[in-house]
Amino acid sequence: MNARHIASAAALVAAAFVTPAHTAPGGSFPVACGNSLSTVFAAGYDSQCQGPTVGTLGGGGIMSATFGAQLYTLAGTTLDASGRFSAQTGALQWGELFLSAPQTGPFVLGLQGGGTYSLYLFNGGSAGLAAIEFDTYGLTQGFAGLAAPSLTQAAIFTSAVPEPGTYAFMLSGLLMLGWLAQRRRAAAPTR
């Protein structure tokens, strides 16, 4: 075998192990979740996204998302009555998602357009986020000036594991209770 055949065989083997990139119609431009510029520049975006992925969010679709070692479970979509979103946004390519209550701490926003979705990690901090700017350019189309799909639904995924700050607050409360109990014992009359 000559060097050209070896290089071609190595490229074919490598291509078999690489996840295929989603391409815009015409197949010339890859689409990544980061192409949703409004979403990735929105307040609270935590610089991590996944997608686009073929599938649906919520009922009959994905019910959880993982970023790093953290698991987030579905808390509600714009199509259900969970109360996470104040209203369905309609079939828009960009706009603002309004939440019924500010979302605090880390959470995942899922955007679905047609048969694909992308996931975006956000952190609402202690004040929380009540609205999130979005666009659908990171779903299936939208790259290089092509039309973006309309938003089919959005979803919120939240963590069941408390943040480290929550553990610290709980530990300080337990220490305070221990200190108060010890003071009470020390102040009690001895018999």
C-alpha atoms as a PDB file:
ATOM      1  CA  MET A   1       0.000   0.000   0.000  1.00  0.00           C
ATOM      2  CA  ASN A   2       1.290   3.407  -0.823  1.00  0.00           C
ATOM      3  CA  ALA A   3       1.115   6.420   1.514  1.00  0.00           C
ATOM      4  CA  ARG A   4      -1.962   7.868  -0.260  1.00  0.00           C
ATOM      5  CA  HIS A   5      -3.996   4.679   0.321  1.00  0.00           C
ATOM      6  CA  ILE A   6      -2.941   4.540   3.983  1.00  0.00           C
ATOM      7  CA  ALA A   7      -3.932   8.187   4.492  1.00  0.00           C
ATOM      8  CA  SER A   8      -7.302   7.586   2.778  1.00  0.00           C
ATOM      9  CA  ALA A   9      -8.000   4.505   4.919  1.00  0.00           C
ATOM     10  CA  ALA A  10      -7.070   6.410   8.098  1.00  0.00           C
ATOM     11  CA  ALA A  11      -9.408   9.251   7.122  1.00  0.00           C
ATOM     12  CA  LEU A  12     -12.302   6.816   6.544  1.00  0.00           C
ATOM     13  CA  VAL A  13     -11.723   5.123   9.912  1.00  0.00           C
ATOM     14  CA  ALA A  14     -11.550   8.503  11.680  1.00  0.00           C
ATOM     15  CA  ALA A  15     -14.739   9.672   9.933  1.00  0.00           C
ATOM     16  CA  ALA A  16     -16.592   6.609  11.215  1.00  0.00           C
ATOM     17  CA  PHE A  17     -15.893   7.653  14.824  1.00  0.00           C
ATOM     18  CA  VAL A  18     -16.733  11.347  14.430  1.00  0.00           C
ATOM     19  CA  THR A  19     -20.305  12.520  14.975  1.00  0.00           C
ATOM     20  CA  PRO A  20     -21.559  13.958  11.698  1.00  0.00           C
ATOM     21  CA  ALA A  21     -22.083  17.721  11.732  1.00  0.00           C
ATOM     22  CA  HIS A  22     -25.519  19.051  10.920  1.00  0.00           C
ATOM     23  CA  THR A  23     -25.428  20.952   7.688  1.00  0.00           C
ATOM     24  CA  ALA A  24     -27.642  23.613   6.266  1.00  0.00           C
ATOM     25  CA  PRO A  25     -29.605  22.802   3.092  1.00  0.00           C
ATOM     26  CA  GLY A  26     -27.141  22.439   0.294  1.00  0.00           C
ATOM     27  CA  GLY A  27     -24.732  20.734   2.691  1.00  0.00           C
ATOM     28  CA  SER A  28     -22.087  23.422   2.674  1.00  0.00           C
ATOM     29  CA  PHE A  29     -22.235  25.111   6.080  1.00  0.00           C
ATOM     30  CA  PRO A  30     -22.193  23.339   9.462  1.00  0.00           C
ATOM     31  CA  VAL A  31     -24.747  24.466  12.039  1.00  0.00           C
ATOM     32  CA  ALA A  32     -23.819  24.543  15.731  1.00  0.00           C
ATOM     33  CA  CYS A  33     -25.850  25.587  18.762  1.00  0.00           C
ATOM     34  CA  GLY A  34     -23.472  28.524  19.165  1.00  0.00           C
ATOM     35  CA  ASN A  35     -24.877  30.037  15.968  1.00  0.00           C
ATOM     36  CA  SER A  36     -27.840  31.231  18.088  1.00  0.00           C
ATOM     37  CA  LEU A  37     -26.187  34.564  18.787  1.00  0.00           C
ATOM     38  CA  SER A  38     -29.116  36.091  20.713  1.00  0.00           C
ATOM     39  CA  THR A  39     -29.163  33.055  23.008  1.00  0.00           C
ATOM     40  CA  VAL A  40     -25.426  32.832  23.640  1.00  0.00           C
ATOM     41  CA  PHE A  41     -25.198  36.567  24.348  1.00  0.00           C
ATOM     42  CA  ALA A  42     -28.295  36.569  26.596  1.00  0.00           C
ATOM     43  CA  ALA A  43     -27.921  37.530  30.253  1.00  0.00           C
ATOM     44  CA  GLY A  44     -27.041  34.517  32.383  1.00  0.00           C
ATOM     45  CA  TYR A  45     -25.723  32.309  29.548  1.00  0.00           C
ATOM     46  CA  ASP A  46     -22.988  30.100  31.024  1.00  0.00           C
ATOM     47  CA  SER A  47     -20.919  29.566  27.833  1.00  0.00           C
ATOM     48  CA  GLN A  48     -21.952  25.956  27.205  1.00  0.00           C
ATOM     49  CA  CYS A  49     -24.360  24.518  24.664  1.00  0.00           C
ATOM     50  CA  GLN A  50     -25.122  21.159  23.057  1.00  0.00           C
ATOM     51  CA  GLY A  51     -26.668  20.505  19.683  1.00  0.00           C
ATOM     52  CA  PRO A  52     -28.327  20.621  17.385  1.00  0.00           C
ATOM     53  CA  THR A  53     -29.729  17.147  17.993  1.00  0.00           C
ATOM     54  CA  VAL A  54     -32.512  15.368  16.159  1.00  0.00           C
ATOM     55  CA  GLY A  55     -35.447  14.771  18.513  1.00  0.00           C
ATOM     56  CA  THR A  56     -37.994  16.557  20.671  1.00  0.00           C
ATOM     57  CA  LEU A  57     -38.143  18.083  24.126  1.00  0.00           C
ATOM     58  CA  GLY A  58     -40.497  16.914  26.852  1.00  0.00           C
ATOM     59  CA  GLY A  59     -43.370  14.426  26.473  1.00  0.00           C
ATOM     60  CA  GLY A  60     -42.133  11.637  24.243  1.00  0.00           C
ATOM     61  CA  GLY A  61     -38.726  13.328  23.888  1.00  0.00           C
ATOM     62  CA  ILE A  62     -35.798  14.041  26.164  1.00  0.00           C
ATOM     63  CA  MET A  63     -36.576  14.441  29.846  1.00  0.00           C
ATOM     64  CA  SER A  64     -33.070  15.287  31.112  1.00  0.00           C
ATOM     65  CA  ALA A  65     -29.835  16.996  30.094  1.00  0.00           C
ATOM     66  CA  THR A  66     -26.282  16.627  31.365  1.00  0.00           C
ATOM     67  CA  PHE A  67     -23.642  19.357  31.446  1.00  0.00           C
ATOM     68  CA  GLY A  68     -20.350  18.259  32.990  1.00  0.00           C
ATOM     69  CA  ALA A  69     -21.250  15.906  35.814  1.00  0.00           C
ATOM     70  CA  GLN A  70     -24.511  17.724  36.599  1.00  0.00           C
ATOM     71  CA  LEU A  71     -27.864  16.180  35.639  1.00  0.00           C
ATOM     72  CA  TYR A  72     -30.802  18.493  34.910  1.00  0.00           C
ATOM     73  CA  THR A  73     -34.361  17.153  34.675  1.00  0.00           C
ATOM     74  CA  LEU A  74     -37.279  18.591  32.731  1.00  0.00           C
ATOM     75  CA  ALA A  75     -39.204  21.148  34.806  1.00  0.00           C
ATOM     76  CA  GLY A  76     -41.602  22.388  32.124  1.00  0.00           C
ATOM     77  CA  THR A  77     -42.102  23.474  28.522  1.00  0.00           C
ATOM     78  CA  THR A  78     -43.949  26.255  26.747  1.00  0.00           C
ATOM     79  CA  LEU A  79     -46.517  23.647  25.655  1.00  0.00           C
ATOM     80  CA  ASP A  80     -47.488  22.322  29.084  1.00  0.00           C
ATOM     81  CA  ALA A  81     -49.170  23.837  32.110  1.00  0.00           C
ATOM     82  CA  SER A  82     -46.124  23.624  34.383  1.00  0.00           C
ATOM     83  CA  GLY A  83     -46.048  27.342  35.088  1.00  0.00           C
ATOM     84  CA  ARG A  84     -42.373  27.692  34.116  1.00  0.00           C
ATOM     85  CA  PHE A  85     -43.224  29.940  31.163  1.00  0.00           C
ATOM     86  CA  SER A  86     -45.790  32.719  31.425  1.00  0.00           C
ATOM     87  CA  ALA A  87     -47.012  32.225  27.843  1.00  0.00           C
ATOM     88  CA  GLN A  88     -46.328  30.340  24.622  1.00  0.00           C
ATOM     89  CA  THR A  89     -44.142  32.538  22.457  1.00  0.00           C
ATOM     90  CA  GLY A  90     -45.631  31.436  19.166  1.00  0.00           C
ATOM     91  CA  ALA A  91     -43.729  30.210  16.130  1.00  0.00           C
ATOM     92  CA  LEU A  92     -40.945  32.801  16.150  1.00  0.00           C
ATOM     93  CA  GLN A  93     -37.379  32.704  14.891  1.00  0.00           C
ATOM     94  CA  TRP A  94     -36.211  35.097  17.614  1.00  0.00           C
ATOM     95  CA  GLY A  95     -37.697  36.920  20.553  1.00  0.00           C
ATOM     96  CA  GLU A  96     -37.914  36.762  24.326  1.00  0.00           C
ATOM     97  CA  LEU A  97     -39.050  33.894  26.539  1.00  0.00           C
ATOM     98  CA  PHE A  98     -40.834  35.086  29.685  1.00  0.00           C
ATOM     99  CA  LEU A  99     -40.726  32.920  32.802  1.00  0.00           C
ATOM    100  CA  SER A 100     -43.596  32.920  35.301  1.00  0.00           C
ATOM    101  CA  ALA A 101     -41.069  33.299  38.157  1.00  0.00           C
ATOM    102  CA  PRO A 102     -37.370  34.224  38.040  1.00  0.00           C
ATOM    103  CA  GLN A 103     -35.226  31.126  37.551  1.00  0.00           C
ATOM    104  CA  THR A 104     -32.334  31.097  40.027  1.00  0.00           C
ATOM    105  CA  GLY A 105     -29.120  29.097  40.004  1.00  0.00           C
ATOM    106  CA  PRO A 106     -27.953  26.921  37.123  1.00  0.00           C
ATOM    107  CA  PHE A 107     -30.539  25.600  34.677  1.00  0.00           C
ATOM    108  CA  VAL A 108     -30.728  24.435  31.070  1.00  0.00           C
ATOM    109  CA  LEU A 109     -32.828  26.098  28.378  1.00  0.00           C
ATOM    110  CA  GLY A 110     -33.866  23.840  25.515  1.00  0.00           C
ATOM    111  CA  LEU A 111     -34.967  25.329  22.189  1.00  0.00           C
ATOM    112  CA  GLN A 112     -36.736  23.177  19.604  1.00  0.00           C
ATOM    113  CA  GLY A 113     -37.450  24.079  16.014  1.00  0.00           C
ATOM    114  CA  GLY A 114     -39.175  21.388  13.996  1.00  0.00           C
ATOM    115  CA  GLY A 115     -37.456  18.059  14.593  1.00  0.00           C
ATOM    116  CA  THR A 116     -34.230  19.305  16.197  1.00  0.00           C
ATOM    117  CA  TYR A 117     -33.289  20.954  19.484  1.00  0.00           C
ATOM    118  CA  SER A 118     -30.297  22.590  21.159  1.00  0.00           C
ATOM    119  CA  LEU A 119     -29.552  22.921  24.869  1.00  0.00           C
ATOM    120  CA  TYR A 120     -28.031  25.993  26.555  1.00  0.00           C
ATOM    121  CA  LEU A 121     -26.638  26.188  30.102  1.00  0.00           C
ATOM    122  CA  PHE A 122     -27.704  29.296  32.049  1.00  0.00           C
ATOM    123  CA  ASN A 123     -27.089  30.560  35.560  1.00  0.00           C
ATOM    124  CA  GLY A 124     -29.723  32.857  37.028  1.00  0.00           C
ATOM    125  CA  GLY A 125     -27.640  33.527  40.144  1.00  0.00           C
ATOM    126  CA  SER A 126     -29.445  34.466  43.348  1.00  0.00           C
ATOM    127  CA  ALA A 127     -31.549  37.217  41.710  1.00  0.00           C
ATOM    128  CA  GLY A 128     -32.829  34.928  38.955  1.00  0.00           C
ATOM    129  CA  LEU A 129     -33.707  35.437  35.308  1.00  0.00           C
ATOM    130  CA  ALA A 130     -37.289  36.387  34.415  1.00  0.00           C
ATOM    131  CA  ALA A 131     -36.792  36.610  30.638  1.00  0.00           C
ATOM    132  CA  ILE A 132     -34.311  35.170  28.126  1.00  0.00           C
ATOM    133  CA  GLU A 133     -33.534  36.473  24.645  1.00  0.00           C
ATOM    134  CA  PHE A 134     -33.349  33.672  22.067  1.00  0.00           C
ATOM    135  CA  ASP A 135     -33.045  32.881  18.394  1.00  0.00           C
ATOM    136  CA  THR A 136     -33.249  29.598  16.513  1.00  0.00           C
ATOM    137  CA  TYR A 137     -30.179  30.017  14.306  1.00  0.00           C
ATOM    138  CA  GLY A 138     -28.426  27.174  16.139  1.00  0.00           C
ATOM    139  CA  LEU A 139     -31.049  24.513  15.451  1.00  0.00           C
ATOM    140  CA  THR A 140     -31.143  23.224  11.884  1.00  0.00           C
ATOM    141  CA  GLN A 141     -30.679  26.158   9.587  1.00  0.00           C
ATOM    142  CA  GLY A 142     -29.875  29.800   9.927  1.00  0.00           C
ATOM    143  CA  PHE A 143     -26.159  29.701   9.244  1.00  0.00           C
ATOM    144  CA  ALA A 144     -24.764  31.845   6.411  1.00  0.00           C
ATOM    145  CA  GLY A 145     -27.974  33.802   5.924  1.00  0.00           C
ATOM    146  CA  LEU A 146     -30.333  30.856   5.508  1.00  0.00           C
ATOM    147  CA  ALA A 147     -33.784  31.011   7.080  1.00  0.00           C
ATOM    148  CA  ALA A 148     -33.932  29.793  10.689  1.00  0.00           C
ATOM    149  CA  PRO A 149     -36.689  27.389  11.731  1.00  0.00           C
ATOM    150  CA  SER A 150     -39.582  28.669  13.812  1.00  0.00           C
ATOM    151  CA  LEU A 151     -39.560  27.861  17.524  1.00  0.00           C
ATOM    152  CA  THR A 152     -41.722  24.813  18.156  1.00  0.00           C
ATOM    153  CA  GLN A 153     -41.247  24.866  21.940  1.00  0.00           C
ATOM    154  CA  ALA A 154     -38.832  25.822  24.690  1.00  0.00           C
ATOM    155  CA  ALA A 155     -38.082  23.837  27.849  1.00  0.00           C
ATOM    156  CA  ILE A 156     -36.473  24.432  31.243  1.00  0.00           C
ATOM    157  CA  PHE A 157     -34.366  21.713  32.877  1.00  0.00           C
ATOM    158  CA  THR A 158     -33.404  22.186  36.534  1.00  0.00           C
ATOM    159  CA  SER A 159     -30.995  20.432  38.875  1.00  0.00           C
ATOM    160  CA  ALA A 160     -32.281  18.297  41.720  1.00  0.00           C
ATOM    161  CA  VAL A 161     -28.934  18.642  43.504  1.00  0.00           C
ATOM    162  CA  PRO A 162     -28.581  21.810  45.606  1.00  0.00           C
ATOM    163  CA  GLU A 163     -25.821  24.267  44.791  1.00  0.00           C
ATOM    164  CA  PRO A 164     -22.750  24.396  47.065  1.00  0.00           C
ATOM    165  CA  GLY A 165     -24.072  27.651  48.558  1.00  0.00           C
ATOM    166  CA  THR A 166     -27.198  25.812  49.686  1.00  0.00           C
ATOM    167  CA  TYR A 167     -25.084  23.230  51.519  1.00  0.00           C
ATOM    168  CA  ALA A 168     -23.054  26.012  53.165  1.00  0.00           C
ATOM    169  CA  PHE A 169     -26.242  27.742  54.329  1.00  0.00           C
ATOM    170  CA  MET A 170     -27.620  24.477  55.727  1.00  0.00           C
ATOM    171  CA  LEU A 171     -24.324  23.707  57.513  1.00  0.00           C
ATOM    172  CA  SER A 172     -24.231  27.175  59.101  1.00  0.00           C
ATOM    173  CA  GLY A 173     -27.802  26.634  60.351  1.00  0.00           C
ATOM    174  CA  LEU A 174     -26.873  23.282  61.890  1.00  0.00           C
ATOM    175  CA  LEU A 175     -23.819  24.799  63.560  1.00  0.00           C
ATOM    176  CA  MET A 176     -25.999  27.570  64.997  1.00  0.00           C
ATOM    177  CA  LEU A 177     -28.466  25.008  66.374  1.00  0.00           C
ATOM    178  CA  GLY A 178     -25.596  23.063  67.981  1.00  0.00           C
ATOM    179  CA  TRP A 179     -24.179  26.224  69.533  1.00  0.00           C
ATOM    180  CA  LEU A 180     -27.620  27.192  70.932  1.00  0.00           C
ATOM    181  CA  ALA A 181     -28.146  23.688  72.360  1.00  0.00           C
ATOM    182  CA  GLN A 182     -24.752  23.793  74.069  1.00  0.00           C
ATOM    183  CA  ARG A 183     -25.476  27.215  75.575  1.00  0.00           C
ATOM    184  CA  ARG A 184     -28.825  25.951  76.852  1.00  0.00           C
ATOM    185  CA  ARG A 185     -27.138  22.930  78.469  1.00  0.00           C
ATOM    186  CA  ALA A 186     -24.461  25.121  80.054  1.00  0.00           C
ATOM    187  CA  ALA A 187     -27.073  27.542  81.439  1.00  0.00           C
ATOM    188  CA  ALA A 188     -29.306  24.782  82.867  1.00  0.00           C
ATOM    189  CA  PRO A 189     -29.034  24.322  86.644  1.00  0.00           C
ATOM    190  CA  THR A 190     -27.142  21.211  87.755  1.00  0.00           C
ATOM    191  CA  ARG A 191     -28.679  18.868  90.309  1.00  0.00           C
END
